[in-house]
Amino acid sequence: MSCGKPHETDCSEVLEQVWLFLDHECDQERRRLLEHHLDECSPCLERFGIEEHLKVLLRSKCGGDHAPDGLKRRLREKIRETVVEQAATTVQDGAEPR
C-alpha cells in the first residue's frame, strides 16, 4: 500500500511493522520513524487506528493473558520465514511486492 506521497519510510513498510510498534517491540529509532510517518500520512494513520482498535479488542477478550515465550518465538520465526518466502517469490516472478 502507498498513499502516493513520498515519505522517509514507505507506507508498506510502516504497515508491515505496525504490530511491532503497537507492542513496543521496535527500537527507539524505528519507533521514531514510524511515529513520524503516522503523523504525516492519513491513510496509514487510519489503518493504524483500525489495527490499534483490534489489538485493544483482542486484549479485552483474551483477559489480558500473555502468550508464552515459546509461542512468541515460534510465531516470530514463522512470520520471518513467510516474509522471506514472499520476498523470494517476488524476486523470482519479477512481480511488485505486496
Foldseek 3Di string as FASTA:
>chain_A
DAPPDDAPDGLVVLVVCLVCLLVVNDDPVVNVRSVVCLVPDPVSVVVSVVVNVVVVVVCVVVVNDDDDPVVVVVVVVVVVVVVVVQVVVCVVVVHDRD
